[in-house]
Amino acid sequence: MSSVIQNLADNESASITDLNAYMKAVGELARSSAREIARASIGSKNLALEEIAQALLSAKVKLKTANLIDLEAGRANGLSQAMLDRLALSDDRINSMSEGLRQIAALEDPIGKVTDLVSRPSGIRVGRMRVPIGVIGIIYESRPNVTADAAGLCLKSGNASVLRGGSEAFHSNKAITKCIKLGLAKAGLPAETVQIIQTTDRAAVGKMITMPESIDVIIPRGGKGLIERISKDARVPVIKHLDGICHVYIDEFANFKKAIDVSFNSKTQRYGTCNTMETLLIHQSRAKEILDELVPLYEKEGVELRGCERCVSFSSIFKNASEDDWSTEYLAPILSVRLVDSVEMAIDHIEMYSSRHTDSIITQDLSIADRFLREVDSSSVMVNTSTRFADGFEYGLGAEIGISTDKLHARGPVGLEGLTNQKYIVLGDGHIRQ
């Protein structure tokens, strides 16, 4: 690689006047470092994670100073208080980033794991080995802690990563990346294993998603608009979910207390997450007792209720739900409620309006629960459980890179295993095919 291209990729203070050359350099460095990190030992990867975790703690002052620049710019640009909160780096959040990396280091390394090894009549043995994907591009917004989480997961799973954070966190992300590179170097691994795009030019995203020669998969984390654009324009495979329109269905055979607790928690434990319930379905035979209990609870929490005609006739607190309400991810204290006549009607509603993220049934009837599990086509399907559990940490995956509603490769919370692939291995002893 020429020194000019090397400088473009490495020198964060360099003026990037030729975006094509810069992105080509990033891609070439990512591809070459991917081969090295793929063969790195478990010990080297874990050491790097520990060193990065320590570097973050040692650089708290520098991280918070860089973050202040982003926060001041955010206020000047009119960012909402919620967005500023997501952007802020406190001591506690830096400690959490560090602890998260140590948790990743403690996870079992999936690389090289052989499964399903069987002997064939010919005498050969056939199995599958888990391997890295290669180079993972991650495009995300707002939260600078994603930089550390994403880098750590890609590193542990033997992948190189190209990170493109939001412009609102530009200085914070650069400061975190310096800590990452320091940790990689101390562990004897190539610093280019993790690269962050050193420009706020939005055209860089367009280049990233059209570089299949350099990047093997793109993972977008952000608003629906960003993910729709990437999905539409990408020439690189995308692991994504557009939105989280999650349902809870209270069946006619539901336990009353479980129905109340799960429905309340699924909506109110946190409003702004993709696994928050947005639509509650209730079997009409249980409507009065359930709504008599739930409506005051939601009202006390300030949750706006939008309901079907039968709900509106039940209580004046309900506003009329529009057709759009059933397919809206509110991310706010708003809930759509519909009364249904059967589990078939509930499943049909979910089939029509669900985003294939997470859907839950509350029932004591095992046959109905089994039917719901089989027929609801979402990445997580639950029984007598809050949708808020649809999370990599809660599933025992450690940190997660995101939640996928795609049907191929990774589906649901994407942890270490979701950042790997499998290849067939065949073991023989001079065998030839007759």
Protein backbone atom coordinates (compact mmCIF):
# COMPACT_ATOMS: atom_id res chain seq x y z
CA MET A 1 0.00 0.00 0.00
CA SER A 2 1.36 3.44 -0.89
CA SER A 3 2.46 5.80 1.88
CA VAL A 4 -0.17 8.29 0.72
CA ILE A 5 -2.98 5.79 1.18
CA GLN A 6 -1.49 4.62 4.49
CA ASN A 7 -1.44 8.21 5.74
CA LEU A 8 -5.04 8.79 4.71
CA ALA A 9 -6.15 5.77 6.71
CA ASP A 10 -3.99 6.31 9.79
CA ASN A 11 -3.70 10.06 10.30
CA GLU A 12 -6.87 11.27 11.95
CA SER A 13 -5.73 14.89 11.70
CA ALA A 14 -5.22 14.62 7.94
CA SER A 15 -7.65 16.52 5.78
CA ILE A 16 -9.69 13.96 3.86
CA THR A 17 -10.04 15.62 0.48
CA ASP A 18 -10.32 12.39 -1.51
CA LEU A 19 -13.04 10.30 0.13
CA ASN A 20 -12.72 7.47 -2.39
CA ALA A 21 -9.00 7.08 -1.67
CA TYR A 22 -9.59 7.28 2.06
CA MET A 23 -12.33 4.64 2.08
CA LYS A 24 -10.25 2.39 -0.17
CA ALA A 25 -7.39 2.66 2.33
CA VAL A 26 -9.65 1.84 5.26
CA GLY A 27 -11.02 -1.17 3.39
CA GLU A 28 -7.59 -2.49 2.46
CA LEU A 29 -6.31 -2.16 6.02
CA ALA A 30 -9.43 -3.85 7.39
CA ARG A 31 -9.12 -6.76 4.98
CA SER A 32 -5.43 -7.33 5.74
CA SER A 33 -5.92 -7.06 9.51
CA ALA A 34 -8.91 -9.44 9.33
CA ARG A 35 -6.56 -12.26 8.35
CA GLU A 36 -4.33 -11.56 11.34
CA ILE A 37 -7.09 -11.27 13.93
CA ALA A 38 -8.76 -14.42 12.59
CA ARG A 39 -5.70 -16.46 13.57
CA ALA A 40 -5.05 -14.64 16.85
CA SER A 41 -5.01 -16.79 19.97
CA ILE A 42 -7.72 -16.68 22.60
CA GLY A 43 -5.16 -15.30 25.03
CA SER A 44 -4.17 -12.44 22.72
CA LYS A 45 -7.74 -11.40 22.13
CA ASN A 46 -8.63 -11.50 25.79
CA LEU A 47 -5.48 -9.58 26.69
CA ALA A 48 -6.42 -6.89 24.17
CA LEU A 49 -9.88 -6.60 25.69
CA GLU A 50 -8.40 -6.25 29.18
CA GLU A 51 -5.91 -3.63 27.97
CA ILE A 52 -8.66 -1.65 26.22
CA ALA A 53 -10.79 -1.80 29.36
CA GLN A 54 -7.89 -0.40 31.41
CA ALA A 55 -7.06 2.23 28.80
CA LEU A 56 -10.63 3.56 28.98
CA LEU A 57 -10.40 3.92 32.76
CA SER A 58 -7.02 5.63 32.51
CA ALA A 59 -8.32 8.07 29.90
CA LYS A 60 -11.45 9.21 31.74
CA VAL A 61 -10.46 12.87 31.74
CA LYS A 62 -9.60 12.84 28.02
CA LEU A 63 -12.80 10.97 27.18
CA LYS A 64 -14.99 13.40 29.10
CA THR A 65 -13.16 16.40 27.60
CA ALA A 66 -13.80 15.10 24.08
CA ASN A 67 -17.38 14.33 25.04
CA LEU A 68 -17.92 17.91 26.24
CA ILE A 69 -17.07 19.15 22.75
CA ASP A 70 -19.79 16.91 21.33
CA LEU A 71 -22.29 17.91 24.02
CA GLU A 72 -21.71 21.63 23.45
CA ALA A 73 -22.10 21.18 19.71
CA GLY A 74 -25.24 19.12 20.31
CA ARG A 75 -26.83 21.84 22.42
CA ALA A 76 -25.93 24.45 19.82
CA ASN A 77 -27.52 22.28 17.12
CA GLY A 78 -30.72 21.83 19.10
CA LEU A 79 -30.39 18.19 20.13
CA SER A 80 -33.18 17.10 22.48
CA GLN A 81 -32.48 16.45 26.13
CA ALA A 82 -33.05 12.73 25.50
CA MET A 83 -30.44 12.72 22.71
CA LEU A 84 -27.98 14.66 24.87
CA ASP A 85 -28.45 12.12 27.63
CA ARG A 86 -27.68 9.27 25.20
CA LEU A 87 -24.58 11.16 24.08
CA ALA A 88 -23.14 11.96 27.50
CA LEU A 89 -20.14 10.09 28.92
CA SER A 90 -20.08 10.07 32.72
CA ASP A 91 -17.68 8.23 35.02
CA ASP A 92 -20.32 5.55 35.49
CA ARG A 93 -20.77 5.06 31.73
CA ILE A 94 -17.02 4.84 31.17
CA ASN A 95 -16.84 2.30 34.01
CA SER A 96 -19.66 0.37 32.33
CA MET A 97 -17.84 0.36 28.99
CA SER A 98 -14.75 -1.00 30.69
CA GLU A 99 -16.71 -3.65 32.60
CA GLY A 100 -18.54 -4.63 29.40
CA LEU A 101 -15.24 -5.37 27.68
CA ARG A 102 -14.11 -7.49 30.62
CA GLN A 103 -17.38 -9.42 30.43
CA ILE A 104 -16.76 -10.06 26.73
CA ALA A 105 -13.26 -11.32 27.58
CA ALA A 106 -14.81 -13.77 30.05
CA LEU A 107 -17.16 -15.25 27.44
CA GLU A 108 -16.35 -18.54 25.74
CA ASP A 109 -14.48 -18.00 22.48
CA PRO A 110 -16.58 -19.44 19.63
CA ILE A 111 -13.80 -19.47 17.02
CA GLY A 112 -12.53 -22.92 16.03
CA LYS A 113 -15.33 -24.74 17.82
CA VAL A 114 -16.19 -27.98 15.95
CA THR A 115 -19.69 -29.40 16.12
CA ASP A 116 -21.74 -32.18 14.51
CA LEU A 117 -18.66 -34.28 13.71
CA VAL A 118 -19.96 -37.60 12.35
CA SER A 119 -18.46 -40.58 10.57
CA ARG A 120 -19.77 -41.39 7.10
CA PRO A 121 -20.01 -44.87 5.50
CA SER A 122 -17.04 -43.93 3.31
CA GLY A 123 -14.85 -43.55 6.39
CA ILE A 124 -14.51 -39.78 6.27
CA ARG A 125 -15.63 -37.64 9.19
CA VAL A 126 -17.66 -34.51 8.47
CA GLY A 127 -18.30 -31.65 10.86
CA ARG A 128 -18.66 -27.90 11.06
CA MET A 129 -16.23 -25.34 12.44
CA ARG A 130 -17.17 -21.88 13.62
CA VAL A 131 -15.12 -19.14 11.93
CA PRO A 132 -15.05 -15.33 11.80
CA ILE A 133 -17.08 -13.52 9.16
CA GLY A 134 -14.13 -11.29 8.24
CA VAL A 135 -14.72 -7.53 8.18
CA ILE A 136 -17.82 -6.13 9.86
CA GLY A 137 -18.99 -2.59 9.17
CA ILE A 138 -21.12 -1.01 11.90
CA ILE A 139 -23.05 2.22 11.35
CA TYR A 140 -24.62 3.71 14.45
CA GLU A 141 -25.95 6.89 16.01
CA SER A 142 -25.67 8.82 19.26
CA ARG A 143 -24.34 6.49 21.93
CA PRO A 144 -20.51 6.54 22.02
CA ASN A 145 -20.46 3.42 24.22
CA VAL A 146 -21.44 1.47 21.08
CA THR A 147 -17.90 2.11 19.83
CA ALA A 148 -16.41 0.07 22.67
CA ASP A 149 -19.14 -2.60 22.63
CA ALA A 150 -18.94 -3.14 18.88
CA ALA A 151 -15.16 -3.19 18.80
CA GLY A 152 -15.03 -5.65 21.70
CA LEU A 153 -17.53 -8.10 20.22
CA CYS A 154 -15.91 -8.02 16.79
CA LEU A 155 -12.46 -8.50 18.32
CA LYS A 156 -13.49 -11.47 20.48
CA SER A 157 -15.21 -13.12 17.50
CA GLY A 158 -12.05 -12.76 15.39
CA ASN A 159 -13.33 -10.06 13.06
CA ALA A 160 -11.89 -6.75 11.93
CA SER A 161 -14.34 -3.86 12.21
CA VAL A 162 -14.98 -0.56 10.47
CA LEU A 163 -17.04 1.74 12.67
CA ARG A 164 -18.98 4.79 11.53
CA GLY A 165 -20.55 6.60 14.47
CA GLY A 166 -22.89 9.56 14.27
CA SER A 167 -21.46 13.01 13.67
CA GLU A 168 -22.93 14.15 17.01
CA ALA A 169 -20.46 11.83 18.84
CA PHE A 170 -17.49 12.37 16.51
CA HIS A 171 -14.93 13.53 19.10
CA SER A 172 -16.07 11.05 21.74
CA ASN A 173 -15.78 8.15 19.31
CA LYS A 174 -12.29 9.20 18.23
CA ALA A 175 -11.14 9.37 21.84
CA ILE A 176 -12.55 5.91 22.58
CA THR A 177 -10.91 4.51 19.45
CA LYS A 178 -7.51 5.78 20.63
CA CYS A 179 -7.94 3.63 23.75
CA ILE A 180 -8.92 0.65 21.60
CA LYS A 181 -5.84 1.00 19.41
CA LEU A 182 -3.63 1.35 22.47
CA GLY A 183 -5.01 -1.87 23.91
CA LEU A 184 -4.58 -3.73 20.62
CA ALA A 185 -0.97 -2.61 20.35
CA LYS A 186 -0.18 -3.70 23.91
CA ALA A 187 -1.55 -7.14 23.10
CA GLY A 188 0.55 -7.37 19.94
CA LEU A 189 -2.43 -7.21 17.59
CA PRO A 190 -2.72 -4.90 14.57
CA ALA A 191 -4.18 -1.50 15.47
CA GLU A 192 -6.12 -1.52 12.20
CA THR A 193 -8.24 -4.41 13.52
CA VAL A 194 -10.61 -1.64 14.66
CA GLN A 195 -10.97 1.48 12.54
CA ILE A 196 -13.33 4.38 12.92
CA ILE A 197 -14.24 6.53 9.93
CA GLN A 198 -12.47 9.83 10.48
CA THR A 199 -14.95 12.06 8.67
CA THR A 200 -18.48 13.27 9.29
CA ASP A 201 -19.18 13.34 5.54
CA ARG A 202 -22.38 11.35 5.05
CA ALA A 203 -21.05 10.11 1.73
CA ALA A 204 -18.75 7.84 3.75
CA VAL A 205 -21.79 5.74 4.71
CA GLY A 206 -22.69 5.40 1.04
CA LYS A 207 -19.18 4.16 0.31
CA MET A 208 -19.14 1.70 3.22
CA ILE A 209 -22.29 -0.08 2.11
CA THR A 210 -21.04 -0.50 -1.44
CA MET A 211 -17.61 -2.04 -0.66
CA PRO A 212 -18.17 -5.83 -0.80
CA GLU A 213 -14.52 -6.31 -1.68
CA SER A 214 -13.56 -4.90 1.74
CA ILE A 215 -16.56 -5.35 4.05
CA ASP A 216 -18.42 -8.64 4.49
CA VAL A 217 -21.48 -7.50 6.41
CA ILE A 218 -23.04 -4.22 7.56
CA ILE A 219 -24.84 -3.83 10.88
CA PRO A 220 -26.82 -0.57 11.19
CA ARG A 221 -27.96 0.70 14.58
CA GLY A 222 -30.15 3.77 14.53
CA GLY A 223 -33.43 5.22 13.42
CA LYS A 224 -35.77 3.63 10.93
CA GLY A 225 -34.80 6.12 8.22
CA LEU A 226 -31.11 5.23 8.46
CA ILE A 227 -31.77 1.51 8.37
CA GLU A 228 -34.22 1.76 5.47
CA ARG A 229 -31.68 3.74 3.46
CA ILE A 230 -28.89 1.26 4.15
CA SER A 231 -31.10 -1.74 3.37
CA LYS A 232 -32.18 -0.16 0.08
CA ASP A 233 -28.75 0.94 -1.18
CA ALA A 234 -26.34 -1.62 0.27
CA ARG A 235 -24.33 -3.97 -1.93
CA VAL A 236 -23.02 -5.62 1.23
CA PRO A 237 -25.25 -8.03 3.22
CA VAL A 238 -27.08 -6.27 6.08
CA ILE A 239 -28.03 -7.61 9.53
CA LYS A 240 -30.85 -5.36 10.68
CA HIS A 241 -34.17 -4.67 12.26
CA LEU A 242 -36.23 -1.70 11.15
CA ASP A 243 -38.44 -1.31 14.19
CA GLY A 244 -39.82 -3.11 17.20
CA ILE A 245 -43.59 -3.43 17.02
CA CYS A 246 -43.95 -5.94 19.84
CA HIS A 247 -47.17 -7.55 21.05
CA VAL A 248 -48.47 -9.18 24.20
CA TYR A 249 -51.56 -11.39 23.79
CA ILE A 250 -53.59 -12.17 26.91
CA ASP A 251 -55.32 -15.46 26.15
CA GLU A 252 -58.65 -16.60 27.58
CA PHE A 253 -56.74 -19.09 29.75
CA ALA A 254 -54.28 -16.53 31.11
CA ASN A 255 -53.42 -16.35 34.79
CA PHE A 256 -54.77 -12.98 35.94
CA LYS A 257 -51.73 -11.84 37.93
CA LYS A 258 -49.27 -12.90 35.23
CA ALA A 259 -51.36 -11.08 32.62
CA ILE A 260 -51.33 -7.83 34.61
CA ASP A 261 -47.67 -7.99 35.62
CA VAL A 262 -46.31 -8.90 32.19
CA SER A 263 -48.49 -6.42 30.29
CA PHE A 264 -47.58 -3.57 32.62
CA ASN A 265 -43.86 -4.35 32.65
CA SER A 266 -43.66 -4.88 28.88
CA LYS A 267 -44.86 -1.34 28.31
CA THR A 268 -43.66 0.76 31.22
CA GLN A 269 -40.29 -0.68 32.29
CA ARG A 270 -38.71 1.48 29.55
CA TYR A 271 -40.48 3.29 26.75
CA GLY A 272 -37.72 4.01 24.26
CA THR A 273 -36.48 0.48 23.51
CA CYS A 274 -37.12 -1.80 20.56
CA ASN A 275 -38.41 -4.60 22.82
CA THR A 276 -41.08 -2.48 24.49
CA MET A 277 -44.67 -3.64 23.89
CA GLU A 278 -46.54 -1.35 21.49
CA THR A 279 -49.79 -3.34 21.09
CA LEU A 280 -51.74 -5.29 23.70
CA LEU A 281 -54.18 -7.95 22.46
CA ILE A 282 -56.78 -9.28 24.91
CA HIS A 283 -59.20 -12.16 24.47
CA GLN A 284 -62.67 -10.61 24.64
CA SER A 285 -63.80 -13.04 27.34
CA ARG A 286 -61.16 -11.56 29.72
CA ALA A 287 -61.54 -7.92 28.65
CA LYS A 288 -63.49 -6.52 31.60
CA GLU A 289 -61.41 -7.95 34.45
CA ILE A 290 -58.11 -7.22 32.68
CA LEU A 291 -58.99 -3.67 31.65
CA ASP A 292 -60.56 -2.87 35.03
CA GLU A 293 -57.13 -3.55 36.54
CA LEU A 294 -54.77 -2.37 33.79
CA VAL A 295 -56.40 0.90 32.72
CA PRO A 296 -55.90 2.63 36.11
CA LEU A 297 -52.30 1.37 36.23
CA TYR A 298 -51.50 2.74 32.79
CA GLU A 299 -53.37 5.96 33.57
CA LYS A 300 -51.29 6.47 36.70
CA GLU A 301 -48.11 6.06 34.63
CA GLY A 302 -49.34 8.59 32.06
CA VAL A 303 -49.69 6.04 29.26
CA GLU A 304 -52.01 7.18 26.47
CA LEU A 305 -54.34 4.37 25.42
CA ARG A 306 -55.57 3.98 21.84
CA GLY A 307 -58.09 1.24 21.32
CA CYS A 308 -60.35 -0.60 18.92
CA GLU A 309 -64.08 0.15 18.86
CA ARG A 310 -64.79 -2.35 21.63
CA CYS A 311 -62.12 -0.77 23.84
CA VAL A 312 -63.52 2.71 23.25
CA SER A 313 -66.99 1.51 24.22
CA PHE A 314 -65.53 -0.02 27.37
CA SER A 315 -63.90 3.18 28.68
CA SER A 316 -63.82 6.84 27.67
CA ILE A 317 -60.10 6.93 28.47
CA PHE A 318 -59.42 5.17 25.16
CA LYS A 319 -58.84 7.23 22.05
CA ASN A 320 -59.88 5.69 18.75
CA ALA A 321 -56.96 3.76 17.27
CA SER A 322 -56.31 4.43 13.59
CA GLU A 323 -55.09 1.81 11.13
CA ASP A 324 -51.61 3.34 11.40
CA ASP A 325 -51.52 2.80 15.16
CA TRP A 326 -51.30 -0.98 14.75
CA SER A 327 -48.06 -0.62 12.75
CA THR A 328 -46.43 2.19 14.73
CA GLU A 329 -43.42 1.88 17.00
CA TYR A 330 -44.20 4.65 19.49
CA LEU A 331 -41.07 4.52 21.67
CA ALA A 332 -43.21 6.61 24.01
CA PRO A 333 -45.92 6.19 26.69
CA ILE A 334 -48.57 5.30 24.11
CA LEU A 335 -50.20 1.87 23.79
CA SER A 336 -52.59 0.39 21.24
CA VAL A 337 -55.10 -2.12 22.60
CA ARG A 338 -57.31 -4.52 20.66
CA LEU A 339 -59.85 -7.10 21.81
CA VAL A 340 -59.80 -10.36 19.85
CA ASP A 341 -62.12 -13.34 19.73
CA SER A 342 -59.56 -16.16 19.59
CA VAL A 343 -55.89 -17.08 19.46
CA GLU A 344 -56.31 -17.33 15.66
CA MET A 345 -57.37 -13.69 15.53
CA ALA A 346 -54.44 -12.69 17.72
CA ILE A 347 -51.95 -14.56 15.52
CA ASP A 348 -53.53 -13.06 12.39
CA HIS A 349 -53.16 -9.56 13.84
CA ILE A 350 -49.51 -10.20 14.70
CA GLU A 351 -48.87 -11.65 11.24
CA MET A 352 -50.25 -8.48 9.65
CA TYR A 353 -48.69 -5.83 11.86
CA SER A 354 -45.70 -7.29 13.72
CA SER A 355 -42.18 -6.21 12.82
CA ARG A 356 -41.00 -9.78 13.60
CA HIS A 357 -39.10 -8.60 16.67
CA THR A 358 -40.71 -9.97 19.85
CA ASP A 359 -44.21 -11.22 20.65
CA SER A 360 -45.50 -12.83 23.84
CA ILE A 361 -48.56 -14.83 24.92
CA ILE A 362 -49.96 -15.07 28.44
CA THR A 363 -51.72 -18.42 28.87
CA GLN A 364 -51.88 -21.48 31.09
CA ASP A 365 -52.97 -23.72 28.19
CA LEU A 366 -49.92 -25.62 26.95
CA SER A 367 -51.44 -26.48 23.56
CA ILE A 368 -52.27 -22.83 22.87
CA ALA A 369 -48.80 -21.78 24.03
CA ASP A 370 -47.23 -24.35 21.70
CA ARG A 371 -49.34 -23.14 18.79
CA PHE A 372 -48.30 -19.53 19.44
CA LEU A 373 -44.62 -20.53 19.59
CA ARG A 374 -44.88 -22.40 16.30
CA GLU A 375 -47.02 -20.00 14.28
CA VAL A 376 -45.80 -16.54 15.31
CA ASP A 377 -42.92 -15.75 12.96
CA SER A 378 -40.77 -13.40 15.05
CA SER A 379 -37.13 -13.48 16.12
CA SER A 380 -38.23 -13.94 19.75
CA VAL A 381 -41.52 -15.60 20.74
CA MET A 382 -42.35 -15.81 24.45
CA VAL A 383 -44.76 -17.46 26.85
CA ASN A 384 -45.78 -15.75 30.12
CA THR A 385 -42.81 -13.40 29.82
CA SER A 386 -42.24 -9.66 29.40
CA THR A 387 -41.04 -8.60 25.96
CA ARG A 388 -38.37 -6.54 27.73
CA PHE A 389 -36.33 -9.73 28.16
CA ALA A 390 -35.51 -9.77 24.41
CA ASP A 391 -31.94 -8.68 24.99
CA GLY A 392 -28.53 -10.24 24.50
CA PHE A 393 -27.49 -9.86 28.13
CA GLU A 394 -30.75 -11.38 29.40
CA TYR A 395 -30.35 -14.28 26.95
CA GLY A 396 -26.90 -15.06 28.34
CA LEU A 397 -25.06 -13.82 25.25
CA GLY A 398 -23.14 -11.10 27.08
CA ALA A 399 -23.12 -7.87 25.15
CA GLU A 400 -25.00 -7.71 21.86
CA ILE A 401 -24.33 -5.84 18.64
CA GLY A 402 -28.02 -5.47 17.89
CA ILE A 403 -31.19 -7.46 17.30
CA SER A 404 -31.84 -9.00 13.91
CA THR A 405 -35.29 -9.63 12.48
CA ASP A 406 -33.82 -11.10 9.29
CA LYS A 407 -34.39 -14.79 8.57
CA LEU A 408 -30.93 -15.74 7.33
CA HIS A 409 -27.76 -16.22 9.40
CA ALA A 410 -28.27 -14.33 12.69
CA ARG A 411 -31.77 -13.84 14.11
CA GLY A 412 -32.73 -12.22 17.41
CA PRO A 413 -30.05 -10.70 19.69
CA VAL A 414 -26.71 -10.84 17.87
CA GLY A 415 -23.86 -11.75 20.22
CA LEU A 416 -20.53 -13.44 19.58
CA GLU A 417 -21.95 -16.44 17.73
CA GLY A 418 -24.01 -14.14 15.49
CA LEU A 419 -20.76 -12.49 14.37
CA THR A 420 -19.40 -15.80 13.14
CA ASN A 421 -20.19 -18.27 10.39
CA GLN A 422 -19.62 -21.98 9.92
CA LYS A 423 -17.69 -23.99 7.38
CA TYR A 424 -17.68 -27.73 6.79
CA ILE A 425 -14.55 -29.61 7.71
CA VAL A 426 -13.80 -33.11 6.42
CA LEU A 427 -11.26 -35.40 8.11
CA GLY A 428 -9.82 -38.42 6.39
CA ASP A 429 -6.78 -40.66 6.19
CA GLY A 430 -5.98 -40.88 2.51
CA HIS A 431 -9.60 -41.63 1.61
CA ILE A 432 -10.55 -41.57 -2.08
CA ARG A 433 -14.01 -41.69 -3.55
CA GLN A 434 -14.86 -44.94 -5.30
